[in-house]
Amino acid sequence: DRTLRSEYLRDTILAKVSEDAAKKRYDEEIAKFVPGDEIHVQHILVKTEDEAKAIIADLDKGGDFAAIAKEKSQDPGSAPNGGDLGFIGKGKTVKSFEEAAFALKAGTYTEKPVQSEYGWHVIKVTETRKEAAPTFEAEAERIRQDLIREAYKAEMDKLKAAHKIEILPPPPPPAPAAPATPAQPAQ
């Protein structure tokens, strides 16, 4: 029964999920796409506020942000790259970092250290841009899965509407057997 059901659903549902259907859904989604803001960020992460203030003072004197990040940042992922985190959008970092970073203009850095659960940050924004629309290739598998779920639900709803479904309670458990009497020893 399960094999027949699975084959029926596979034939019925997968037939509705074609490459053309996926591309059509992608086109519909892209038509509604509103690009968000993205910023290219560098940061220097240190343990104390005083360290961060000293770094800001060095930057104010003309210090090179990338060189200072390589030397002093505690972030092992970005320090070797001059503190470069690349482009980020909203919702991709901790709240205090995001608020401070998105308040900056391109080419500027924070005037005061920013605290997060990771330590103290000095943040620099090097560039701003609008987020690029996702490509079909990047979204194709998600779209296919959405179409499969939708087709499955539609088929189940159609089958439920066309047939009477009755859920029977489980049968009562069998009555316990009477205890056996021990056999009498032979005399």
Protein backbone atom coordinates (compact mmCIF):
# COMPACT_ATOMS: atom_id res chain seq x y z
CA ASP A 1 0.00 0.00 0.00
CA ARG A 2 2.77 2.43 0.91
CA THR A 3 4.63 1.74 -2.32
CA LEU A 4 1.50 2.32 -4.38
CA ARG A 5 0.73 5.52 -2.48
CA SER A 6 4.30 6.77 -2.90
CA GLU A 7 4.29 6.04 -6.63
CA TYR A 8 0.89 7.69 -7.08
CA LEU A 9 2.05 10.82 -5.28
CA ARG A 10 5.39 10.85 -7.09
CA ASP A 11 3.69 10.61 -10.49
CA THR A 12 0.98 13.13 -9.59
CA ILE A 13 3.12 15.69 -7.79
CA LEU A 14 6.45 15.56 -9.58
CA ALA A 15 4.64 15.96 -12.90
CA LYS A 16 3.53 19.40 -11.68
CA VAL A 17 7.05 20.47 -10.66
CA SER A 18 8.80 21.16 -13.94
CA GLU A 19 11.75 23.41 -14.73
CA ASP A 20 9.32 25.81 -16.42
CA ALA A 21 7.14 25.93 -13.28
CA ALA A 22 10.22 26.67 -11.17
CA LYS A 23 11.35 29.44 -13.54
CA LYS A 24 7.86 30.93 -13.57
CA ARG A 25 7.82 31.02 -9.73
CA TYR A 26 11.30 32.56 -9.71
CA ASP A 27 10.17 35.29 -12.13
CA GLU A 28 7.15 36.01 -9.91
CA GLU A 29 9.36 36.28 -6.82
CA ILE A 30 11.93 38.49 -8.55
CA ALA A 31 9.15 40.83 -9.71
CA LYS A 32 8.34 41.40 -6.01
CA PHE A 33 11.99 41.55 -4.86
CA VAL A 34 12.92 44.74 -3.03
CA PRO A 35 16.68 45.00 -2.56
CA GLY A 36 17.88 45.84 0.92
CA ASP A 37 20.91 47.88 1.86
CA GLU A 38 24.30 46.21 2.18
CA ILE A 39 27.51 47.64 3.57
CA HIS A 40 31.11 46.57 3.12
CA VAL A 41 32.52 46.41 6.63
CA GLN A 42 35.89 46.15 8.32
CA HIS A 43 36.21 45.79 12.06
CA ILE A 44 38.75 45.48 14.80
CA LEU A 45 37.72 43.36 17.78
CA VAL A 46 39.48 43.79 21.13
CA LYS A 47 38.79 42.71 24.70
CA THR A 48 38.49 46.09 26.45
CA GLU A 49 36.94 49.47 25.82
CA ASP A 50 40.27 51.16 26.56
CA GLU A 51 41.99 49.14 23.81
CA ALA A 52 39.24 50.16 21.37
CA LYS A 53 39.58 53.84 22.38
CA ALA A 54 43.35 53.68 21.82
CA ILE A 55 42.74 52.22 18.33
CA ILE A 56 40.30 55.03 17.51
CA ALA A 57 42.93 57.54 18.66
CA ASP A 58 45.48 55.87 16.32
CA LEU A 59 43.00 56.07 13.44
CA ASP A 60 42.32 59.74 14.22
CA LYS A 61 46.08 60.35 13.81
CA GLY A 62 45.97 58.77 10.34
CA GLY A 63 46.60 55.11 11.23
CA ASP A 64 45.88 52.48 8.60
CA PHE A 65 42.74 50.56 9.56
CA ALA A 66 43.74 47.31 7.84
CA ALA A 67 47.25 47.32 9.33
CA ILE A 68 45.90 47.96 12.83
CA ALA A 69 43.31 45.19 12.38
CA LYS A 70 45.99 42.70 11.32
CA GLU A 71 48.08 43.60 14.35
CA LYS A 72 45.50 44.00 17.10
CA SER A 73 42.16 42.41 16.19
CA GLN A 74 41.10 39.35 18.18
CA ASP A 75 38.81 38.12 15.38
CA PRO A 76 40.68 35.17 13.84
CA GLY A 77 38.43 35.12 10.78
CA SER A 78 38.88 38.72 9.68
CA ALA A 79 42.13 39.97 11.29
CA PRO A 80 44.42 38.42 8.63
CA ASN A 81 42.32 40.23 5.99
CA GLY A 82 42.64 43.63 7.62
CA GLY A 83 39.38 43.19 9.51
CA ASP A 84 37.40 42.77 6.28
CA LEU A 85 33.99 41.13 6.77
CA GLY A 86 32.83 41.76 3.20
CA PHE A 87 29.32 42.93 2.39
CA ILE A 88 26.65 42.33 5.01
CA GLY A 89 22.94 43.00 5.08
CA LYS A 90 20.68 43.76 8.00
CA GLY A 91 20.03 40.85 10.30
CA LYS A 92 23.41 39.22 9.63
CA THR A 93 25.27 40.42 12.74
CA VAL A 94 24.56 41.09 16.41
CA LYS A 95 22.24 44.03 17.03
CA SER A 96 24.71 46.50 18.57
CA PHE A 97 27.22 45.90 15.76
CA GLU A 98 24.54 46.22 13.08
CA GLU A 99 23.10 49.45 14.48
CA ALA A 100 26.52 51.10 14.67
CA ALA A 101 27.66 49.85 11.26
CA PHE A 102 24.51 50.86 9.37
CA ALA A 103 24.64 54.34 10.95
CA LEU A 104 28.03 55.00 9.32
CA LYS A 105 28.65 56.56 5.93
CA ALA A 106 31.08 54.99 3.48
CA GLY A 107 34.68 55.85 4.36
CA THR A 108 33.98 56.51 8.05
CA TYR A 109 34.60 54.54 11.24
CA THR A 110 32.98 54.55 14.67
CA GLU A 111 33.95 57.47 16.88
CA LYS A 112 33.22 55.42 20.01
CA PRO A 113 33.82 51.71 20.64
CA VAL A 114 30.85 49.38 20.12
CA GLN A 115 30.28 46.63 22.66
CA SER A 116 28.87 43.20 21.81
CA GLU A 117 28.99 39.81 23.49
CA TYR A 118 32.26 39.21 21.60
CA GLY A 119 34.09 42.23 22.98
CA TRP A 120 34.65 45.81 21.79
CA HIS A 121 34.55 46.75 18.11
CA VAL A 122 35.91 49.58 16.03
CA ILE A 123 33.89 49.46 12.81
CA LYS A 124 34.59 50.98 9.41
CA VAL A 125 32.23 51.07 6.42
CA THR A 126 34.07 51.20 3.11
CA GLU A 127 31.15 51.01 0.67
CA THR A 128 27.36 50.84 0.50
CA ARG A 129 25.18 49.24 -2.15
CA LYS A 130 21.80 47.67 -2.76
CA GLU A 131 21.54 43.92 -2.36
CA ALA A 132 21.67 41.97 -5.61
CA ALA A 133 18.69 39.82 -6.55
CA PRO A 134 19.32 36.11 -6.02
CA THR A 135 19.99 34.08 -9.15
CA PHE A 136 17.71 31.31 -10.36
CA GLU A 137 20.51 28.80 -9.76
CA ALA A 138 20.78 29.89 -6.12
CA GLU A 139 17.03 29.65 -5.55
CA ALA A 140 16.05 26.73 -7.82
CA GLU A 141 16.19 23.94 -5.22
CA ARG A 142 14.22 25.95 -2.62
CA ILE A 143 11.62 26.83 -5.24
CA ARG A 144 11.32 23.18 -6.34
CA GLN A 145 10.81 22.09 -2.74
CA ASP A 146 8.14 24.78 -2.25
CA LEU A 147 6.35 23.63 -5.42
CA ILE A 148 6.48 19.98 -4.28
CA ARG A 149 5.02 20.89 -0.87
CA GLU A 150 2.27 22.96 -2.49
CA ALA A 151 1.40 20.23 -5.02
CA TYR A 152 1.36 17.60 -2.27
CA LYS A 153 -0.96 19.69 -0.09
CA ALA A 154 -3.26 20.43 -3.04
CA GLU A 155 -3.43 16.72 -3.96
CA MET A 156 -4.13 15.72 -0.36
CA ASP A 157 -6.86 18.37 -0.06
CA LYS A 158 -8.42 17.13 -3.33
CA LEU A 159 -8.34 13.49 -2.17
CA LYS A 160 -9.78 14.35 1.25
CA ALA A 161 -12.61 16.31 -0.33
CA ALA A 162 -13.47 13.48 -2.74
CA HIS A 163 -13.47 10.67 -0.18
CA LYS A 164 -14.97 9.97 3.20
CA ILE A 165 -12.26 9.52 5.78
CA GLU A 166 -13.13 7.74 8.97
CA ILE A 167 -10.59 7.34 11.72
CA LEU A 168 -11.44 4.33 13.81
CA PRO A 169 -10.40 4.04 17.44
CA PRO A 170 -7.88 1.32 18.16
CA PRO A 171 -9.39 -2.00 19.27
CA PRO A 172 -9.49 -2.55 23.02
CA PRO A 173 -6.58 -4.54 24.42
CA PRO A 174 -7.24 -8.25 24.96
CA ALA A 175 -8.48 -9.25 28.40
CA PRO A 176 -5.74 -10.54 30.66
CA ALA A 177 -5.48 -14.31 30.75
CA ALA A 178 -6.38 -16.12 33.98
CA PRO A 179 -3.33 -17.00 36.02
CA ALA A 180 -2.12 -20.53 35.41
CA THR A 181 -2.30 -22.94 38.32
CA PRO A 182 0.92 -24.74 39.07
CA ALA A 183 0.96 -28.43 38.21
CA GLN A 184 0.69 -30.85 41.13
CA PRO A 185 3.78 -33.01 41.66
CA ALA A 186 3.26 -36.69 40.88
CA GLN A 187 3.00 -39.02 43.90
